[in-house]
C-alpha cells in the first residue's frame, strides 16, 4: 500500500525499545524456563546454551540442512542470515527464535523428544489454578443472563482472556487504567461485530484465529459455544498453530486440553464443554492448522488456499497481539491510520480482539491518542488497554 514506505518496519536495534527488551531479556529467560521444565539431556542443554549466546551476541545462521523446513526458512531468511538478531525485522526475529528453540530441544528430530511441546507445562499450569476455577464458576451467573448480555460479557472475556486477573469480566471497566482518563478499550466496534453475526443466522460461518492457549483459549471456546448455541453461526472454524509457536500459542492439543478442562468442571462450564465436544464431533466446530500460521510474514502475503478459506467466512476474528501485528503489518504506523485501509487486502469481513502488548496500533481517533500519550508512557505495550476493531 502507498503509505507503507512511511511506516518503518519494527526492529529491535533501538535501546530501551519494547522490541529490544523481548530479544534481550524475555528470550534468554524463556530458554532457562524451558530448560528447567524438562529433564533434557546434555545435547539439548548445549543447543539451548548455544541459542542463548547466539541470540544475544551472534549472527543469525540458517537451520541445519537436514531440517524438514530448511528450504522454507532459507527463503524467508535470505536477507537476514549473517546479521545481528537485533538488526532484522522484529516479527521475523521472534518467529525464527522459536523455530530455533524447537530445533534445540529436538522437537522435529527422530527420537523420544519428537513432538514434545516445550511450553506444555506452562500451558497446563494455567488450566489448574484457583483463578481459573473461579472464572469457570462465574459462568453460572453469566449464562443465566439474556442472550444479548451474555454476548457482551463473553466477547469481553475473550478479549481480556490473556490478562490473568480479567478473565470472564463482564465489563471492560474493571481493567486497571493506571490512572488514565481513557477507558481501557481504546476502540470498541463490538456492535459492528455482532451485527455481522445476528441471532438466527444459521448459514453463517465464523472463523476464529486463536492466539494463546490456557486461560485465554478457555474464554475463546466459551464465546464459540455461545455463537453456536444461540444460532449466530451454523459453523465455526478455529484456526490454531500447526506446532508450538511462541511460548503460549494454541495448537490442536491445547484445544483438546481446554475442552477436557471444561467438561470436567462443574456447573455451566461443564455443559459448555459437552456442547463443544459434540460440535466437534458433528462438524459444527472444526479445527484447522494451516502451515502459514507459523510463518514470519504478514497476512497480506497469505497463500491462495488460506485466502479462499477466509473468503468463505461470514466473519474472521483475529485474537491477540501477534495476530494483530501480522494483520495490519508490524510497522510503526501512525496510530490514527485507518484499520479499514490496513486490512483492505483481506478477502472478507474481519475483526481484531486484542490486548495492547506491542508498539503496533492503528484505527484510533486523535483525541484518544492525545489522552493516552499525556497519561501513560507505555500504553501501547503494557497490556492495560485493549481494542475491538471491525472492518465489515
Protein backbone atom coordinates (compact mmCIF):
# COMPACT_ATOMS: atom_id res chain seq x y z
CA UNK A 1 0.00 0.00 0.00
CA UNK A 2 1.15 3.53 -0.70
CA UNK A 3 1.66 4.53 2.96
CA UNK A 4 3.88 1.51 3.72
CA UNK A 5 7.07 3.40 2.87
CA UNK A 6 6.24 6.00 5.55
CA UNK A 7 5.84 3.42 8.32
CA UNK A 8 9.18 1.83 9.24
CA UNK A 9 9.37 -1.89 9.97
CA UNK A 10 9.79 -2.52 13.70
CA UNK A 11 13.26 -3.77 14.62
CA UNK A 12 14.99 -4.43 17.93
CA UNK A 13 18.04 -2.19 17.49
CA UNK A 14 16.78 0.81 19.48
CA UNK A 15 18.00 0.79 23.10
CA UNK A 16 15.13 0.92 25.55
CA UNK A 17 12.54 -0.16 23.00
CA UNK A 18 9.94 -2.82 23.71
CA UNK A 19 11.18 -4.95 20.81
CA UNK A 20 14.73 -4.91 22.13
CA UNK A 21 13.59 -5.95 25.59
CA UNK A 22 11.87 -9.00 24.14
CA UNK A 23 15.01 -10.25 22.42
CA UNK A 24 17.48 -9.18 25.11
CA UNK A 25 15.50 -10.12 28.23
CA UNK A 26 12.42 -12.25 27.53
CA UNK A 27 14.05 -14.77 25.22
CA UNK A 28 17.02 -15.67 27.49
CA UNK A 29 14.66 -16.03 30.44
CA UNK A 30 12.41 -18.31 28.40
CA UNK A 31 15.33 -20.55 27.49
CA UNK A 32 16.03 -21.07 31.19
CA UNK A 33 12.36 -21.82 31.92
CA UNK A 34 12.24 -24.40 29.15
CA UNK A 35 15.49 -25.97 30.36
CA UNK A 36 14.09 -26.29 33.89
CA UNK A 37 10.70 -27.64 32.78
CA UNK A 38 12.07 -30.88 31.27
CA UNK A 39 14.87 -33.33 32.07
CA UNK A 40 16.61 -32.68 28.77
CA UNK A 41 19.93 -34.34 28.04
CA UNK A 42 23.40 -32.82 27.59
CA UNK A 43 22.95 -32.35 23.84
CA UNK A 44 19.80 -30.33 24.30
CA UNK A 45 21.42 -28.29 27.08
CA UNK A 46 24.32 -27.44 24.80
CA UNK A 47 21.95 -26.48 21.98
CA UNK A 48 19.92 -24.24 24.30
CA UNK A 49 23.10 -22.56 25.57
CA UNK A 50 24.25 -22.00 22.01
CA UNK A 51 20.92 -20.44 21.05
CA UNK A 52 21.04 -18.14 24.09
CA UNK A 53 24.56 -16.97 23.27
CA UNK A 54 23.92 -16.63 19.55
CA UNK A 55 20.72 -14.65 20.01
CA UNK A 56 22.49 -12.28 22.41
CA UNK A 57 25.69 -11.55 20.51
CA UNK A 58 26.00 -13.68 17.41
CA UNK A 59 24.97 -13.55 13.77
CA UNK A 60 21.87 -15.32 12.53
CA UNK A 61 22.62 -18.64 10.86
CA UNK A 62 20.39 -20.93 8.76
CA UNK A 63 18.77 -24.08 10.04
CA UNK A 64 20.77 -27.27 9.55
CA UNK A 65 20.30 -28.63 6.01
CA UNK A 66 18.62 -31.72 7.50
CA UNK A 67 15.74 -29.67 8.91
CA UNK A 68 12.43 -30.60 7.28
CA UNK A 69 11.67 -26.94 6.54
CA UNK A 70 15.22 -25.87 5.65
CA UNK A 71 14.24 -24.63 2.19
CA UNK A 72 11.31 -22.63 3.51
CA UNK A 73 13.36 -20.79 6.12
CA UNK A 74 16.24 -20.35 3.69
CA UNK A 75 13.82 -18.38 1.53
CA UNK A 76 12.27 -16.44 4.41
CA UNK A 77 15.67 -15.56 5.88
CA UNK A 78 17.78 -14.97 2.78
CA UNK A 79 18.15 -11.25 3.59
CA UNK A 80 18.74 -11.78 7.32
CA UNK A 81 21.34 -14.54 7.73
CA UNK A 82 24.71 -13.20 8.80
CA UNK A 83 23.17 -10.18 10.55
CA UNK A 84 22.54 -9.49 14.22
CA UNK A 85 19.20 -10.63 15.61
CA UNK A 86 18.60 -7.01 16.64
CA UNK A 87 19.03 -5.63 13.11
CA UNK A 88 16.33 -7.63 11.33
CA UNK A 89 12.54 -7.18 11.47
CA UNK A 90 11.22 -7.89 14.96
CA UNK A 91 8.46 -10.21 13.74
CA UNK A 92 10.96 -12.32 11.80
CA UNK A 93 13.48 -12.44 14.64
CA UNK A 94 10.86 -13.58 17.15
CA UNK A 95 9.49 -16.24 14.84
CA UNK A 96 12.93 -17.60 13.97
CA UNK A 97 13.95 -17.68 17.64
CA UNK A 98 11.06 -20.00 18.43
CA UNK A 99 11.85 -22.19 15.44
CA UNK A 100 15.46 -22.47 16.63
CA UNK A 101 14.27 -23.26 20.15
CA UNK A 102 12.23 -26.19 18.83
CA UNK A 103 15.31 -27.34 16.92
CA UNK A 104 17.41 -27.14 20.10
CA UNK A 105 15.11 -29.39 22.13
CA UNK A 106 14.68 -31.97 19.36
CA UNK A 107 11.02 -31.31 18.63
CA UNK A 108 11.37 -32.34 14.97
CA UNK A 109 14.19 -34.86 15.35
CA UNK A 110 13.77 -38.62 15.36
CA UNK A 111 13.87 -39.82 18.94
CA UNK A 112 11.98 -39.71 22.24
CA UNK A 113 11.58 -35.90 22.34
CA UNK A 114 9.96 -35.67 18.93
CA UNK A 115 6.69 -33.75 19.17
CA UNK A 116 7.04 -32.93 22.88
CA UNK A 117 5.79 -29.35 23.31
CA UNK A 118 8.45 -27.47 25.35
CA UNK A 119 5.80 -24.98 26.50
CA UNK A 120 3.20 -27.54 27.58
CA UNK A 121 3.92 -27.35 31.34
CA UNK A 122 3.23 -23.61 31.32
CA UNK A 123 0.00 -24.03 29.37
CA UNK A 124 -1.17 -26.88 31.60
CA UNK A 125 -0.45 -24.94 34.78
CA UNK A 126 -2.79 -22.15 33.68
CA UNK A 127 -5.71 -24.57 33.44
CA UNK A 128 -5.45 -25.72 37.05
CA UNK A 129 -5.28 -22.62 39.22
CA UNK A 130 -7.77 -21.19 41.74
CA UNK A 131 -8.23 -18.23 39.40
CA UNK A 132 -9.27 -20.49 36.54
CA UNK A 133 -11.64 -22.35 38.85
CA UNK A 134 -13.25 -19.08 39.86
CA UNK A 135 -13.55 -17.90 36.27
CA UNK A 136 -15.27 -21.11 35.21
CA UNK A 137 -17.63 -20.89 38.18
CA UNK A 138 -18.59 -17.34 37.13
CA UNK A 139 -20.19 -18.79 34.00
CA UNK A 140 -23.11 -19.99 36.13
CA UNK A 141 -24.23 -16.40 36.56
CA UNK A 142 -23.27 -15.12 33.12
CA UNK A 143 -25.14 -17.83 31.21
CA UNK A 144 -28.36 -17.10 33.11
CA UNK A 145 -28.44 -13.58 31.68
CA UNK A 146 -30.34 -12.64 28.49
CA UNK A 147 -28.56 -13.65 25.30
CA UNK A 148 -27.53 -10.09 24.45
CA UNK A 149 -25.91 -9.54 27.83
CA UNK A 150 -24.21 -12.92 27.53
CA UNK A 151 -22.78 -11.91 24.16
CA UNK A 152 -21.31 -8.68 25.53
CA UNK A 153 -19.87 -10.43 28.59
CA UNK A 154 -18.32 -13.27 26.65
CA UNK A 155 -16.74 -11.15 23.95
CA UNK A 156 -15.05 -9.11 26.69
CA UNK A 157 -13.99 -12.31 28.42
CA UNK A 158 -12.37 -13.45 25.19
CA UNK A 159 -10.77 -10.05 24.66
CA UNK A 160 -9.23 -9.88 28.13
CA UNK A 161 -8.60 -13.61 28.47
CA UNK A 162 -4.82 -13.28 28.45
CA UNK A 163 -4.97 -10.89 31.42
CA UNK A 164 -4.82 -13.25 34.38
CA UNK A 165 -6.95 -11.00 36.57
CA UNK A 166 -9.52 -10.15 33.93
CA UNK A 167 -10.76 -13.44 32.53
CA UNK A 168 -14.52 -13.55 32.00
CA UNK A 169 -15.04 -9.97 33.24
CA UNK A 170 -18.47 -8.79 32.19
CA UNK A 171 -17.38 -5.18 31.72
CA UNK A 172 -14.06 -3.89 30.48
CA UNK A 173 -14.36 -1.10 33.05
CA UNK A 174 -12.85 -3.48 35.58
CA UNK A 175 -9.44 -3.16 33.94
CA UNK A 176 -6.66 -1.16 35.54
CA UNK A 177 -6.27 2.06 33.61
CA UNK A 178 -3.25 3.20 35.62
CA UNK A 179 -4.93 6.49 36.42
CA UNK A 180 -5.68 7.44 32.83
CA UNK A 181 -8.90 9.21 31.87
CA UNK A 182 -9.25 6.99 28.80
CA UNK A 183 -11.23 3.75 29.24
CA UNK A 184 -9.24 0.54 28.74
CA UNK A 185 -10.93 -0.12 25.40
CA UNK A 186 -9.25 2.34 23.08
CA UNK A 187 -11.57 1.22 20.27
CA UNK A 188 -14.83 -0.67 20.61
CA UNK A 189 -16.58 -1.95 17.47
CA UNK A 190 -18.41 -4.71 19.33
CA UNK A 191 -21.79 -3.61 17.95
CA UNK A 192 -20.42 -3.93 14.43
CA UNK A 193 -19.04 -7.37 15.28
CA UNK A 194 -22.40 -8.70 16.46
CA UNK A 195 -24.22 -7.05 13.56
CA UNK A 196 -22.29 -9.40 11.28
CA UNK A 197 -23.45 -12.40 13.34
CA UNK A 198 -27.07 -11.65 14.29
CA UNK A 199 -29.04 -14.26 16.17
CA UNK A 200 -30.88 -16.58 13.83
CA UNK A 201 -28.29 -16.51 11.01
CA UNK A 202 -27.80 -20.27 10.64
CA UNK A 203 -25.99 -20.05 7.31
CA UNK A 204 -23.16 -18.00 8.79
CA UNK A 205 -19.61 -19.28 9.26
CA UNK A 206 -17.40 -17.74 11.92
CA UNK A 207 -13.63 -18.17 11.66
CA UNK A 208 -11.61 -17.58 14.83
CA UNK A 209 -7.82 -17.34 14.53
CA UNK A 210 -6.64 -18.30 18.02
CA UNK A 211 -3.83 -16.71 19.96
CA UNK A 212 -2.82 -18.15 23.33
CA UNK A 213 -3.70 -21.47 24.93
CA UNK A 214 -4.61 -21.93 28.58
CA UNK A 215 -6.64 -19.20 30.24
CA UNK A 216 -7.09 -17.25 27.01
CA UNK A 217 -8.35 -20.19 24.96
CA UNK A 218 -10.96 -21.15 27.56
CA UNK A 219 -12.99 -17.93 27.12
CA UNK A 220 -12.49 -18.15 23.35
CA UNK A 221 -14.15 -21.56 23.43
CA UNK A 222 -16.96 -20.31 25.66
CA UNK A 223 -17.59 -17.49 23.18
CA UNK A 224 -17.65 -20.01 20.32
CA UNK A 225 -20.20 -22.09 22.22
CA UNK A 226 -22.41 -19.00 22.63
CA UNK A 227 -22.25 -18.30 18.88
CA UNK A 228 -23.28 -21.87 18.02
CA UNK A 229 -25.79 -22.33 20.84
CA UNK A 230 -27.65 -19.10 20.06
CA UNK A 231 -27.76 -19.59 16.32
CA UNK A 232 -25.38 -16.79 15.40
CA UNK A 233 -23.48 -19.18 13.10
CA UNK A 234 -24.02 -22.61 11.68
CA UNK A 235 -20.35 -23.45 11.77
CA UNK A 236 -17.18 -22.19 13.48
CA UNK A 237 -13.68 -22.79 12.18
CA UNK A 238 -10.99 -22.45 14.84
CA UNK A 239 -7.55 -21.80 13.34
CA UNK A 240 -4.59 -22.81 15.52
CA UNK A 241 -0.83 -23.22 15.08
CA UNK A 242 0.46 -26.39 13.36
CA UNK A 243 3.09 -26.82 16.08
CA UNK A 244 4.22 -24.92 19.21
CA UNK A 245 4.91 -21.33 18.25
CA UNK A 246 5.76 -18.53 20.65
CA UNK A 247 5.51 -19.52 24.27
CA UNK A 248 1.76 -19.99 24.66
CA UNK A 249 0.24 -20.13 21.18
CA UNK A 250 -2.59 -22.62 20.85
CA UNK A 251 -2.26 -25.92 18.99
CA UNK A 252 -4.83 -28.67 18.44
CA UNK A 253 -3.52 -30.43 21.55
CA UNK A 254 -4.22 -27.28 23.57
CA UNK A 255 -7.78 -27.12 22.23
CA UNK A 256 -8.39 -30.68 23.41
CA UNK A 257 -6.85 -29.91 26.81
CA UNK A 258 -9.19 -26.94 27.23
CA UNK A 259 -12.23 -28.93 26.18
CA UNK A 260 -11.38 -31.60 28.73
CA UNK A 261 -10.95 -28.91 31.38
CA UNK A 262 -14.40 -27.54 30.60
CA UNK A 263 -16.09 -30.96 30.54
CA UNK A 264 -14.56 -31.84 33.92
CA UNK A 265 -15.62 -28.55 35.51
CA UNK A 266 -18.81 -28.07 37.47
CA UNK A 267 -21.96 -26.18 36.61
CA UNK A 268 -22.44 -24.27 33.38
CA UNK A 269 -18.82 -24.70 32.29
CA UNK A 270 -19.31 -28.47 32.00
CA UNK A 271 -22.37 -28.01 29.82
CA UNK A 272 -20.40 -25.67 27.60
CA UNK A 273 -17.65 -28.26 27.30
CA UNK A 274 -20.07 -31.04 26.39
CA UNK A 275 -21.74 -28.92 23.71
CA UNK A 276 -18.39 -28.02 22.18
CA UNK A 277 -17.23 -31.65 22.28
CA UNK A 278 -20.38 -32.65 20.42
CA UNK A 279 -19.97 -29.77 17.98
CA UNK A 280 -16.51 -31.03 17.03
CA UNK A 281 -17.95 -34.49 16.56
CA UNK A 282 -20.65 -33.37 14.13
CA UNK A 283 -18.55 -30.78 12.29
CA UNK A 284 -20.15 -27.57 13.57
CA UNK A 285 -16.81 -26.76 15.23
CA UNK A 286 -13.80 -27.53 13.05
CA UNK A 287 -10.13 -27.07 13.95
CA UNK A 288 -7.64 -26.08 11.26
CA UNK A 289 -3.85 -25.70 11.47
CA UNK A 290 -2.59 -24.16 8.23
CA UNK A 291 1.18 -24.06 7.81
CA UNK A 292 1.14 -20.31 7.16
CA UNK A 293 0.26 -19.63 10.80
CA UNK A 294 3.89 -20.32 11.75
CA UNK A 295 5.34 -18.09 9.01
CA UNK A 296 7.22 -14.86 9.92
CA UNK A 297 5.09 -12.96 7.41
CA UNK A 298 2.13 -10.57 7.40
CA UNK A 299 -1.27 -11.96 6.46
CA UNK A 300 -1.16 -9.78 3.37
CA UNK A 301 1.21 -12.46 1.98
CA UNK A 302 -1.07 -15.41 2.79
CA UNK A 303 -1.23 -18.23 0.21
CA UNK A 304 -4.24 -18.71 -2.05
CA UNK A 305 -5.75 -21.68 -0.25
CA UNK A 306 -5.85 -19.86 3.09
CA UNK A 307 -7.24 -16.76 1.38
CA UNK A 308 -10.03 -18.92 -0.03
CA UNK A 309 -10.85 -20.26 3.45
CA UNK A 310 -11.09 -16.75 4.86
CA UNK A 311 -13.18 -15.61 1.89
CA UNK A 312 -15.80 -18.25 2.72
CA UNK A 313 -16.28 -16.97 6.28
CA UNK A 314 -19.06 -14.58 7.24
CA UNK A 315 -16.57 -13.04 9.69
CA UNK A 316 -12.98 -13.80 10.67
CA UNK A 317 -11.91 -12.82 14.18
CA UNK A 318 -8.19 -12.50 14.90
CA UNK A 319 -7.31 -12.92 18.56
CA UNK A 320 -4.35 -11.40 20.31
CA UNK A 321 -1.32 -9.27 19.73
CA UNK A 322 0.75 -11.39 17.34
CA UNK A 323 -2.20 -11.88 15.00
CA UNK A 324 -2.81 -8.11 15.07
CA UNK A 325 0.80 -7.43 14.12
CA UNK A 326 0.51 -9.79 11.19
CA UNK A 327 -2.94 -8.49 10.21
CA UNK A 328 -2.06 -4.79 9.90
CA UNK A 329 1.70 -5.17 9.37
CA UNK A 330 4.42 -4.99 12.05
CA UNK A 331 5.32 -1.36 11.42
CA UNK A 332 5.30 1.93 13.30
CA UNK A 333 2.06 3.16 11.76
CA UNK A 334 0.57 6.45 12.86
CA UNK A 335 -1.98 5.34 15.47
CA UNK A 336 -4.68 7.22 13.58
CA UNK A 337 -4.05 5.26 10.37
CA UNK A 338 -7.20 3.56 9.13
CA UNK A 339 -7.84 -0.03 10.28
CA UNK A 340 -10.06 -0.48 7.22
CA UNK A 341 -7.27 0.62 4.90
CA UNK A 342 -4.69 -1.59 6.61
CA UNK A 343 -6.96 -4.63 6.21
CA UNK A 344 -8.36 -3.79 2.76
CA UNK A 345 -6.45 -6.75 1.27
CA UNK A 346 -8.35 -9.22 3.47
CA UNK A 347 -10.87 -11.26 1.47
CA UNK A 348 -13.85 -10.83 3.80
CA UNK A 349 -15.19 -9.10 6.92
CA UNK A 350 -12.54 -9.08 9.64
CA UNK A 351 -12.34 -8.25 13.34
CA UNK A 352 -9.47 -7.93 15.80
CA UNK A 353 -9.77 -8.64 19.54
CA UNK A 354 -6.50 -7.61 21.08
CA UNK A 355 -4.89 -6.58 24.35
CA UNK A 356 -2.19 -4.00 23.58
CA UNK A 357 1.22 -5.62 24.14
CA UNK A 358 3.38 -4.25 21.32
CA UNK A 359 4.05 -0.97 19.53
CA UNK A 360 1.74 -1.59 16.57
CA UNK A 361 -1.57 0.26 16.64
CA UNK A 362 -3.94 1.74 14.04
CA UNK A 363 -7.54 2.90 13.93
CA UNK A 364 -7.58 5.31 16.87
CA UNK A 365 -9.01 8.83 16.89
CA UNK A 366 -6.75 11.79 17.59
CA UNK A 367 -8.37 12.62 20.93
CA UNK A 368 -7.84 9.11 22.28
CA UNK A 369 -4.20 9.12 21.20
CA UNK A 370 -3.59 12.53 22.78
CA UNK A 371 -5.12 11.42 26.09
CA UNK A 372 -3.13 8.19 26.17
CA UNK A 373 0.12 9.94 25.32
CA UNK A 374 -0.50 12.51 28.04
CA UNK A 375 -1.14 9.98 30.81
CA UNK A 376 0.88 6.84 30.02
CA UNK A 377 4.34 6.35 28.59
CA UNK A 378 3.86 2.67 27.73
CA UNK A 379 0.17 2.35 26.90
CA UNK A 380 0.95 0.52 23.66
CA UNK A 381 2.82 -2.32 25.39
CA UNK A 382 1.63 -2.51 29.00
CA UNK A 383 -1.41 -4.74 28.45
CA UNK A 384 -3.66 -2.30 30.35
CA UNK A 385 -5.67 -1.37 27.25
CA UNK A 386 -7.45 -3.34 24.58
CA UNK A 387 -9.41 -2.92 21.37
CA UNK A 388 -12.19 -4.42 19.30
CA UNK A 389 -11.87 -3.30 15.67
CA UNK A 390 -14.04 -4.43 12.78
CA UNK A 391 -13.97 -3.94 9.04
CA UNK A 392 -17.19 -5.23 7.53
